[in-house]
Amino acid sequence: MKRIPLHITGLSIALCSVLLGCQRPATEATTPASAEPAATAATPAPAPAETTKAPPTDLEQLANRLVTQSAAVKEGEVVLISGRMQDAELMEDLAVNVRKVGAFPLVIYTSDRMAKRMFFDVPDKYDSQVDALDMALVNLADVNIAIANGMTENLFEGADPKRMAARGKAGEGVGQAALKNNVRLVEVGNNLYPTPWRAERYGMAADELANTFWNGINIDYSELQTRGEQVKAALAAGNEIHITNPNGTDLKMSVKGRKVLVSDGIISEADLKAGGPAVSVYLPAGEVYTTPVPGSAEGKVVHTRSFYRGKQIDNLTLTISGGKVTAMTGSGPGYADLKAEYDAVDDARKDMLGFVDLGINPNVKLSTSSSVGTWVPAGTVTVGTGTNTWAGGDNSVAYGATIFLPGSTVTLDGKPIIENGVLKI
């Protein structure tokens, strides 16, 4: 899914996966659920003829790896492949590699322009309409490979928060059906897809971000599997997690007995057997995540700097008591719009602390001067509210906050497992 620094974004699960919806909250330029059509063309539009720049990595090799390892595609399966024109070559390579194993690809093209029009040009009377084609595809597909490459950060500037809330609610059932049907999800992007605006947010040159992204994608997944199992075992055997950060974050929660999941780049046989959220991977991979014991979370979470549709938010602070958000404060030009979106969601489940996520990928490194964060760098910490079915929880509300906490210290039953942003396991 597409993610940038914290923002309460929910309601946009569609951009992570045009058809099936992401299982965790989006964290960047938001697209209202069902804003994009389920299928718009049998093949993606070709890249402009003047595009001669060499691919950033061996796309054929990557496509083969995604199909055979990450998604574990098998003969006879139906595979959905979605993305934008910028990744037409990769989508085509994916489709060919799907057929090479005897499976059947459906390539779906979308664009920022179309996504925007599907919201602003469609009458609001259809906002609560459940997408019948999405639901049909959920019941048809075995695998969903989504390239999360939104190019415009403020695409939905001016969108009515109430309309977004209605679309999010209408799409909740589609995501639930995907989990129930064990539709495998491989998302390529994970808040790191190289774009000029994202490079600026991370304080990196565009080429530097691109190198970081592809290095993270091309890591040896067996290394991530080993590290992921080590961190998973530690969390599964523990009880209390305590997260602190120099920005004022101080949060405790119990994870005793909770399911622990790993996104290590490969959907293994064990993952296939487990089903549900275990058959999703987010690339670049490298995350271990779990959900808190309901009602156990206490403290506060502070995001020093985040952005809402390109507008800066400073010191967004969530007060957590009894496992849920009891107060929210913040400042900066983006805060009022974010708060309006939050208030428009009339569902108490949006307030529940949903998950804690630990990054384990050593190939992904952000600038030390960056005040924002992302999911996968080794030693990073992410927490969030609202939807958490993707992390093994039972909160399916189509809304959530994702808060990245780079430089944090985390203790598990008093023992440091992350110290000042450095993974100790």
Protein backbone atom coordinates (compact mmCIF):
# COMPACT_ATOMS: atom_id res chain seq x y z
CA MET A 1 0.00 0.00 0.00
CA LYS A 2 1.01 3.44 -0.40
CA ARG A 3 2.21 5.08 2.75
CA ILE A 4 3.97 8.24 3.72
CA PRO A 5 4.45 9.62 7.16
CA LEU A 6 1.56 9.42 9.48
CA HIS A 7 -1.62 10.56 8.53
CA ILE A 8 -4.99 9.43 9.45
CA THR A 9 -5.97 8.26 6.09
CA GLY A 10 -8.20 5.29 6.05
CA LEU A 11 -10.96 5.48 3.49
CA SER A 12 -8.50 4.96 0.72
CA ILE A 13 -7.82 1.37 0.79
CA ALA A 14 -8.46 1.19 -2.91
CA LEU A 15 -5.19 2.71 -4.09
CA CYS A 16 -3.17 0.00 -2.44
CA SER A 17 -5.06 -2.56 -4.37
CA VAL A 18 -7.39 -1.26 -7.01
CA LEU A 19 -9.68 -4.24 -6.70
CA LEU A 20 -9.55 -5.81 -3.31
CA GLY A 21 -8.56 -3.09 -0.91
CA CYS A 22 -5.53 -3.11 1.37
CA GLN A 23 -5.69 -4.79 4.71
CA ARG A 24 -3.97 -1.92 6.48
CA PRO A 25 -4.53 1.83 6.39
CA ALA A 26 -3.08 3.81 3.53
CA THR A 27 -0.55 6.39 4.60
CA GLU A 28 -0.20 8.88 1.80
CA ALA A 29 -2.06 10.51 -1.08
CA THR A 30 -5.49 9.11 -0.37
CA THR A 31 -7.96 7.58 -2.76
CA PRO A 32 -11.50 7.06 -1.51
CA ALA A 33 -12.56 3.44 -1.47
CA SER A 34 -14.24 2.56 -4.75
CA ALA A 35 -12.94 5.74 -6.36
CA GLU A 36 -11.17 3.68 -8.98
CA PRO A 37 -13.05 1.27 -11.24
CA ALA A 38 -12.45 -2.42 -10.88
CA ALA A 39 -11.43 -2.98 -14.47
CA THR A 40 -10.80 -0.40 -17.14
CA ALA A 41 -8.82 -2.20 -19.81
CA ALA A 42 -7.54 -5.65 -20.61
CA THR A 43 -4.03 -4.27 -21.00
CA PRO A 44 -2.32 -1.16 -19.62
CA ALA A 45 -1.71 1.83 -21.84
CA PRO A 46 1.80 1.74 -23.30
CA ALA A 47 4.48 3.98 -21.87
CA PRO A 48 5.09 7.17 -23.89
CA ALA A 49 7.24 6.57 -26.95
CA GLU A 50 9.84 9.09 -25.82
CA THR A 51 10.53 7.12 -22.63
CA THR A 52 13.99 5.64 -23.18
CA LYS A 53 15.38 5.57 -19.66
CA ALA A 54 16.63 2.12 -18.71
CA PRO A 55 14.58 0.24 -16.11
CA PRO A 56 15.87 0.72 -12.54
CA THR A 57 16.21 -3.04 -12.07
CA ASP A 58 15.85 -6.22 -14.09
CA LEU A 59 12.07 -6.15 -14.42
CA GLU A 60 11.80 -9.59 -16.01
CA GLN A 61 13.75 -11.14 -13.15
CA LEU A 62 11.68 -9.21 -10.64
CA ALA A 63 8.42 -10.30 -12.26
CA ASN A 64 9.49 -13.94 -12.12
CA ARG A 65 10.44 -13.58 -8.47
CA LEU A 66 7.15 -11.92 -7.55
CA VAL A 67 5.08 -14.54 -9.34
CA THR A 68 6.93 -17.68 -8.25
CA GLN A 69 8.19 -16.69 -4.78
CA SER A 70 6.32 -13.73 -3.32
CA ALA A 71 2.86 -14.68 -4.62
CA ALA A 72 3.47 -18.44 -4.98
CA VAL A 73 1.25 -18.52 -8.08
CA LYS A 74 0.11 -21.99 -9.10
CA GLU A 75 -1.23 -23.49 -12.30
CA GLY A 76 -4.88 -22.71 -12.96
CA GLU A 77 -5.11 -19.71 -10.60
CA VAL A 78 -6.55 -16.30 -11.47
CA VAL A 79 -4.13 -13.41 -10.85
CA LEU A 80 -5.10 -9.73 -10.81
CA ILE A 81 -2.34 -7.26 -11.73
CA SER A 82 -2.95 -3.54 -11.28
CA GLY A 83 -0.93 -0.36 -11.71
CA ARG A 84 -0.38 2.82 -13.65
CA MET A 85 1.17 3.64 -17.00
CA GLN A 86 4.58 4.26 -15.40
CA ASP A 87 4.82 0.53 -14.68
CA ALA A 88 3.34 -0.85 -17.89
CA GLU A 89 6.48 -2.90 -18.63
CA LEU A 90 6.49 -4.50 -15.19
CA MET A 91 2.77 -5.28 -15.42
CA GLU A 92 3.28 -6.92 -18.79
CA ASP A 93 6.23 -8.95 -17.47
CA LEU A 94 4.13 -10.06 -14.52
CA ALA A 95 1.32 -11.17 -16.84
CA VAL A 96 3.70 -13.20 -19.01
CA ASN A 97 5.27 -14.87 -15.98
CA VAL A 98 1.82 -15.71 -14.62
CA ARG A 99 1.01 -17.51 -17.88
CA LYS A 100 4.38 -19.27 -17.83
CA VAL A 101 3.24 -21.18 -14.74
CA GLY A 102 -0.14 -21.96 -16.27
CA ALA A 103 -2.15 -19.32 -14.39
CA PHE A 104 -4.42 -16.63 -15.84
CA PRO A 105 -3.62 -12.89 -15.55
CA LEU A 106 -6.06 -9.99 -15.64
CA VAL A 107 -4.17 -6.72 -16.09
CA ILE A 108 -5.98 -3.62 -14.86
CA TYR A 109 -4.88 -0.12 -15.73
CA THR A 110 -5.68 2.99 -13.75
CA SER A 111 -4.35 6.54 -13.45
CA ASP A 112 -4.37 9.48 -11.06
CA ARG A 113 -6.57 11.41 -13.50
CA MET A 114 -9.15 8.63 -13.67
CA ALA A 115 -9.09 8.05 -9.90
CA LYS A 116 -9.77 11.72 -9.29
CA ARG A 117 -12.62 11.85 -11.79
CA MET A 118 -14.15 8.68 -10.35
CA PHE A 119 -14.60 10.60 -7.12
CA PHE A 120 -15.38 14.18 -8.11
CA ASP A 121 -17.38 13.44 -11.29
CA VAL A 122 -19.52 10.60 -9.89
CA PRO A 123 -22.73 11.63 -8.04
CA ASP A 124 -22.63 11.27 -4.26
CA LYS A 125 -25.77 9.12 -4.34
CA TYR A 126 -23.50 6.22 -5.32
CA ASP A 127 -21.05 6.64 -2.44
CA SER A 128 -22.73 3.99 -0.31
CA GLN A 129 -23.01 1.53 -3.18
CA VAL A 130 -21.05 -1.70 -2.65
CA ASP A 131 -18.93 -2.34 -5.75
CA ALA A 132 -20.47 -5.47 -7.25
CA LEU A 133 -17.54 -6.01 -9.61
CA ASP A 134 -15.01 -5.76 -6.79
CA MET A 135 -16.96 -8.35 -4.84
CA ALA A 136 -17.21 -10.62 -7.87
CA LEU A 137 -13.46 -10.40 -8.44
CA VAL A 138 -12.79 -11.19 -4.79
CA ASN A 139 -14.73 -14.41 -5.31
CA LEU A 140 -12.88 -15.13 -8.56
CA ALA A 141 -9.25 -14.21 -7.84
CA ASP A 142 -6.62 -16.27 -6.09
CA VAL A 143 -3.87 -13.62 -6.15
CA ASN A 144 -3.74 -9.83 -6.31
CA ILE A 145 -0.48 -8.12 -7.33
CA ALA A 146 -0.82 -4.36 -6.90
CA ILE A 147 1.78 -1.76 -7.84
CA ALA A 148 1.13 1.14 -5.47
CA ASN A 149 2.58 3.95 -7.54
CA GLY A 150 0.36 6.98 -6.97
CA MET A 151 2.22 9.94 -8.45
CA THR A 152 0.19 12.85 -7.05
CA GLU A 153 0.32 13.59 -3.33
CA ASN A 154 -2.67 15.94 -3.08
CA LEU A 155 -4.86 14.22 -5.65
CA PHE A 156 -8.01 14.47 -3.53
CA GLU A 157 -7.58 18.01 -2.30
CA GLY A 158 -11.03 19.40 -1.53
CA ALA A 159 -12.78 16.03 -1.27
CA ASP A 160 -15.80 16.05 1.06
CA PRO A 161 -14.84 14.08 4.21
CA LYS A 162 -18.38 12.75 4.58
CA ARG A 163 -18.30 11.35 1.05
CA MET A 164 -14.96 9.70 1.74
CA ALA A 165 -16.33 8.16 4.93
CA ALA A 166 -19.33 6.79 3.04
CA ARG A 167 -17.12 5.21 0.38
CA GLY A 168 -14.86 3.70 3.01
CA LYS A 169 -17.81 2.13 4.81
CA ALA A 170 -19.18 0.74 1.53
CA GLY A 171 -15.84 -0.91 0.77
CA GLU A 172 -15.34 -2.59 4.15
CA GLY A 173 -17.03 -5.82 3.09
CA VAL A 174 -14.79 -6.27 0.06
CA GLY A 175 -11.66 -6.29 2.21
CA GLN A 176 -13.28 -8.73 4.61
CA ALA A 177 -14.21 -11.04 1.75
CA ALA A 178 -10.62 -10.97 0.48
CA LEU A 179 -9.39 -12.13 3.89
CA LYS A 180 -12.07 -14.80 4.19
CA ASN A 181 -11.28 -16.13 0.71
CA ASN A 182 -7.52 -16.10 1.41
CA VAL A 183 -6.79 -13.97 -1.64
CA ARG A 184 -3.01 -13.57 -1.67
CA LEU A 185 -1.82 -9.95 -1.84
CA VAL A 186 1.55 -8.73 -3.06
CA GLU A 187 1.87 -4.96 -2.89
CA VAL A 188 4.84 -3.31 -4.59
CA GLY A 189 5.39 0.16 -3.12
CA ASN A 190 4.92 0.09 0.64
CA ASN A 191 5.23 3.85 1.10
CA LEU A 192 8.59 3.91 -0.70
CA TYR A 193 7.71 3.92 -4.41
CA PRO A 194 10.11 6.52 -5.90
CA THR A 195 8.38 9.80 -6.70
CA PRO A 196 9.73 13.37 -6.51
CA TRP A 197 7.33 14.38 -3.74
CA ARG A 198 8.15 11.34 -1.62
CA ALA A 199 11.90 11.92 -2.03
CA GLU A 200 11.37 15.46 -0.78
CA ARG A 201 9.44 14.19 2.26
CA TYR A 202 12.31 11.85 3.16
CA GLY A 203 14.97 14.51 2.56
CA MET A 204 16.54 12.44 -0.22
CA ALA A 205 17.49 13.00 -3.85
CA ALA A 206 15.18 11.23 -6.30
CA ASP A 207 17.90 8.80 -7.44
CA GLU A 208 18.83 8.07 -3.83
CA LEU A 209 15.26 7.12 -3.00
CA ALA A 210 15.03 4.97 -6.13
CA ASN A 211 18.19 3.10 -5.15
CA THR A 212 16.86 2.62 -1.63
CA PHE A 213 13.57 1.28 -2.96
CA TRP A 214 15.08 -1.23 -5.38
CA ASN A 215 17.76 -2.33 -2.90
CA GLY A 216 14.94 -3.02 -0.45
CA ILE A 217 12.98 -4.97 -3.06
CA ASN A 218 16.00 -7.03 -4.13
CA ILE A 219 17.18 -8.14 -0.69
CA ASP A 220 17.76 -11.84 -0.06
CA TYR A 221 14.35 -12.86 1.29
CA SER A 222 15.83 -15.84 3.12
CA GLU A 223 17.71 -13.36 5.34
CA LEU A 224 14.47 -11.56 6.10
CA GLN A 225 12.75 -14.85 6.89
CA THR A 226 15.43 -15.72 9.43
CA ARG A 227 15.42 -12.31 11.09
CA GLY A 228 11.64 -12.15 10.99
CA GLU A 229 11.27 -15.47 12.78
CA GLN A 230 13.67 -14.30 15.51
CA VAL A 231 11.69 -11.12 16.16
CA LYS A 232 8.40 -12.98 15.89
CA ALA A 233 9.49 -15.53 18.49
CA ALA A 234 10.51 -12.76 20.90
CA LEU A 235 7.17 -10.93 20.57
CA ALA A 236 5.17 -14.14 20.80
CA ALA A 237 6.87 -15.03 24.10
CA GLY A 238 6.48 -11.54 25.60
CA ASN A 239 3.84 -9.55 27.39
CA GLU A 240 4.33 -5.78 27.76
CA ILE A 241 5.71 -3.53 25.03
CA HIS A 242 6.87 -0.05 26.05
CA ILE A 243 7.65 2.50 23.32
CA THR A 244 9.38 5.81 24.04
CA ASN A 245 10.71 8.51 21.73
CA PRO A 246 12.46 11.87 22.32
CA ASN A 247 9.44 13.58 20.75
CA GLY A 248 7.31 12.74 23.81
CA THR A 249 5.86 9.39 22.75
CA ASP A 250 5.39 7.11 25.76
CA LEU A 251 3.10 4.15 25.13
CA LYS A 252 2.60 0.80 26.86
CA MET A 253 0.49 -2.15 25.73
CA SER A 254 0.17 -5.88 26.31
CA VAL A 255 0.65 -8.28 23.41
CA LYS A 256 0.45 -11.47 25.46
CA GLY A 257 -1.10 -14.29 23.47
CA ARG A 258 -1.64 -12.16 20.35
CA LYS A 259 -0.95 -13.46 16.85
CA VAL A 260 2.40 -12.26 15.43
CA LEU A 261 2.85 -11.96 11.64
CA VAL A 262 5.85 -11.35 9.38
CA SER A 263 6.07 -9.71 5.95
CA ASP A 264 9.33 -11.22 4.67
CA GLY A 265 8.72 -11.06 0.92
CA ILE A 266 7.58 -14.66 0.45
CA ILE A 267 4.21 -16.32 0.89
CA SER A 268 5.40 -19.69 2.20
CA GLU A 269 3.58 -22.99 2.52
CA ALA A 270 3.10 -22.21 6.21
CA ASP A 271 1.54 -18.85 5.26
CA LEU A 272 -0.75 -20.55 2.76
CA LYS A 273 -1.88 -22.96 5.46
CA ALA A 274 -2.55 -20.11 7.92
CA GLY A 275 -4.44 -18.02 5.33
CA GLY A 276 -6.08 -14.65 6.06
CA PRO A 277 -3.58 -11.87 6.78
CA ALA A 278 -0.66 -14.33 6.60
CA VAL A 279 -0.92 -14.40 2.80
CA SER A 280 -0.10 -10.72 2.28
CA VAL A 281 3.35 -9.26 1.64
CA TYR A 282 4.33 -5.63 1.25
CA LEU A 283 7.43 -4.86 -0.82
CA PRO A 284 10.02 -3.72 0.07
CA ALA A 285 9.46 -6.36 2.74
CA GLY A 286 10.78 -6.53 6.28
CA GLU A 287 8.16 -6.11 9.00
CA VAL A 288 7.00 -8.00 12.10
CA TYR A 289 3.64 -6.92 13.49
CA THR A 290 1.04 -7.77 16.06
CA THR A 291 -2.03 -6.29 17.77
CA PRO A 292 -2.47 -5.22 21.40
CA VAL A 293 -4.65 -6.95 23.92
CA PRO A 294 -7.89 -4.95 23.69
CA GLY A 295 -8.06 -2.20 26.31
CA SER A 296 -4.44 -2.59 27.39
CA ALA A 297 -2.81 0.39 25.65
CA GLU A 298 -2.04 3.48 27.75
CA GLY A 299 -0.01 6.62 27.08
CA LYS A 300 0.47 8.99 24.18
CA VAL A 301 1.89 8.92 20.66
CA VAL A 302 3.46 11.96 19.02
CA HIS A 303 4.23 12.39 15.35
CA THR A 304 6.70 15.25 15.05
CA ARG A 305 5.94 15.94 11.41
CA SER A 306 3.50 14.42 8.97
CA PHE A 307 1.62 15.52 5.87
CA TYR A 308 -2.00 15.45 4.82
CA ARG A 309 -2.41 15.78 1.05
CA GLY A 310 0.86 17.67 0.91
CA LYS A 311 0.07 19.98 3.83
CA GLN A 312 2.36 19.78 6.83
CA ILE A 313 1.13 18.71 10.27
CA ASP A 314 3.25 19.37 13.34
CA ASN A 315 3.25 17.39 16.60
CA LEU A 316 0.14 15.37 15.96
CA THR A 317 -0.52 13.86 19.38
CA LEU A 318 -2.89 11.02 20.23
CA THR A 319 -3.73 10.36 23.88
CA ILE A 320 -4.46 6.66 24.47
CA SER A 321 -6.44 5.39 27.47
CA GLY A 322 -8.11 2.01 27.90
CA GLY A 323 -6.86 1.00 24.48
CA LYS A 324 -8.43 3.83 22.52
CA VAL A 325 -7.83 7.43 21.45
CA THR A 326 -9.37 9.85 23.92
CA ALA A 327 -7.87 13.08 22.59
CA MET A 328 -6.13 14.41 19.49
CA THR A 329 -4.16 17.62 19.05
CA GLY A 330 -1.87 19.04 16.40
CA SER A 331 -0.98 22.13 14.41
CA GLY A 332 0.16 23.17 10.96
CA PRO A 333 -1.76 23.83 7.72
CA GLY A 334 -2.85 20.20 7.25
CA TYR A 335 -4.24 19.53 10.72
CA ALA A 336 -7.74 20.99 10.27
CA ASP A 337 -8.41 18.94 7.13
CA LEU A 338 -7.12 15.77 8.76
CA LYS A 339 -9.29 16.35 11.80
CA ALA A 340 -12.32 16.96 9.58
CA GLU A 341 -11.75 13.61 7.87
CA TYR A 342 -11.38 11.90 11.23
CA ASP A 343 -14.56 13.47 12.62
CA ALA A 344 -16.54 12.45 9.53
CA VAL A 345 -16.08 8.75 10.35
CA ASP A 346 -18.99 7.89 12.62
CA ASP A 347 -17.62 4.62 13.94
CA ALA A 348 -16.08 4.15 17.39
CA ARG A 349 -13.77 1.43 16.05
CA LYS A 350 -11.62 4.13 14.44
CA ASP A 351 -10.33 5.05 17.94
CA MET A 352 -9.02 1.64 18.97
CA LEU A 353 -5.24 1.21 19.07
CA GLY A 354 -4.78 -1.32 16.31
CA PHE A 355 -1.21 -2.53 15.88
CA VAL A 356 2.51 -2.22 16.52
CA ASP A 357 4.93 -2.89 13.65
CA LEU A 358 8.72 -3.33 13.81
CA GLY A 359 10.93 -2.87 10.73
CA ILE A 360 13.70 -5.41 10.05
CA ASN A 361 15.03 -4.61 6.53
CA PRO A 362 18.72 -3.58 6.71
CA ASN A 363 18.82 -2.50 3.03
CA VAL A 364 16.34 0.36 3.52
CA LYS A 365 17.86 3.41 5.14
CA LEU A 366 16.37 6.88 5.29
CA SER A 367 18.26 10.12 5.69
CA THR A 368 19.23 10.80 9.30
CA SER A 369 17.80 14.29 8.83
CA SER A 370 14.36 12.95 7.91
CA SER A 371 11.66 13.78 10.46
CA VAL A 372 9.22 11.34 8.89
CA GLY A 373 9.47 7.59 8.66
CA THR A 374 8.28 4.47 6.90
CA TRP A 375 7.56 0.83 7.67
CA VAL A 376 10.58 -1.32 6.92
CA PRO A 377 14.00 0.12 7.90
CA ALA A 378 15.58 -2.12 10.54
CA GLY A 379 14.83 -0.65 13.97
CA THR A 380 11.91 1.55 12.96
CA VAL A 381 8.64 1.46 14.91
CA THR A 382 5.13 2.06 13.62
CA VAL A 383 1.88 2.13 15.56
CA GLY A 384 -1.64 2.77 14.43
CA THR A 385 -5.29 2.99 15.28
CA GLY A 386 -8.39 1.63 13.59
CA THR A 387 -8.27 -1.15 11.04
CA ASN A 388 -6.01 -4.05 12.00
CA THR A 389 -7.31 -7.17 10.25
CA TRP A 390 -4.14 -7.09 8.11
CA ALA A 391 -2.14 -7.54 11.34
CA GLY A 392 -4.21 -10.41 12.68
CA GLY A 393 -6.79 -8.37 14.61
CA ASP A 394 -10.56 -8.21 14.22
CA ASN A 395 -11.14 -4.49 13.63
CA SER A 396 -12.24 -4.10 10.00
CA VAL A 397 -13.29 -0.44 10.09
CA ALA A 398 -12.26 1.21 6.82
CA TYR A 399 -10.23 3.86 8.55
CA GLY A 400 -6.99 4.15 10.47
CA ALA A 401 -4.07 6.25 11.63
CA THR A 402 -0.52 5.16 10.85
CA ILE A 403 2.23 6.80 12.91
CA PHE A 404 5.90 6.26 12.14
CA LEU A 405 8.29 6.68 15.07
CA PRO A 406 11.91 6.66 13.83
CA GLY A 407 14.56 6.74 16.55
CA SER A 408 12.37 5.08 19.18
CA THR A 409 13.35 2.78 22.03
CA VAL A 410 11.22 -0.32 22.60
CA THR A 411 11.39 -2.66 25.56
CA LEU A 412 9.68 -6.03 25.83
CA ASP A 413 9.06 -6.96 29.47
CA GLY A 414 11.76 -4.48 30.43
CA LYS A 415 14.41 -5.73 27.99
CA PRO A 416 15.41 -3.43 25.09
CA ILE A 417 14.64 -4.89 21.67
CA ILE A 418 15.11 -1.55 19.85
CA GLU A 419 17.37 1.18 21.22
CA ASN A 420 17.32 4.65 19.70
CA GLY A 421 16.22 3.18 16.38
CA VAL A 422 18.67 0.25 16.38
CA LEU A 423 17.25 -3.28 16.31
CA LYS A 424 18.78 -5.38 19.09
CA ILE A 425 17.32 -8.79 18.26
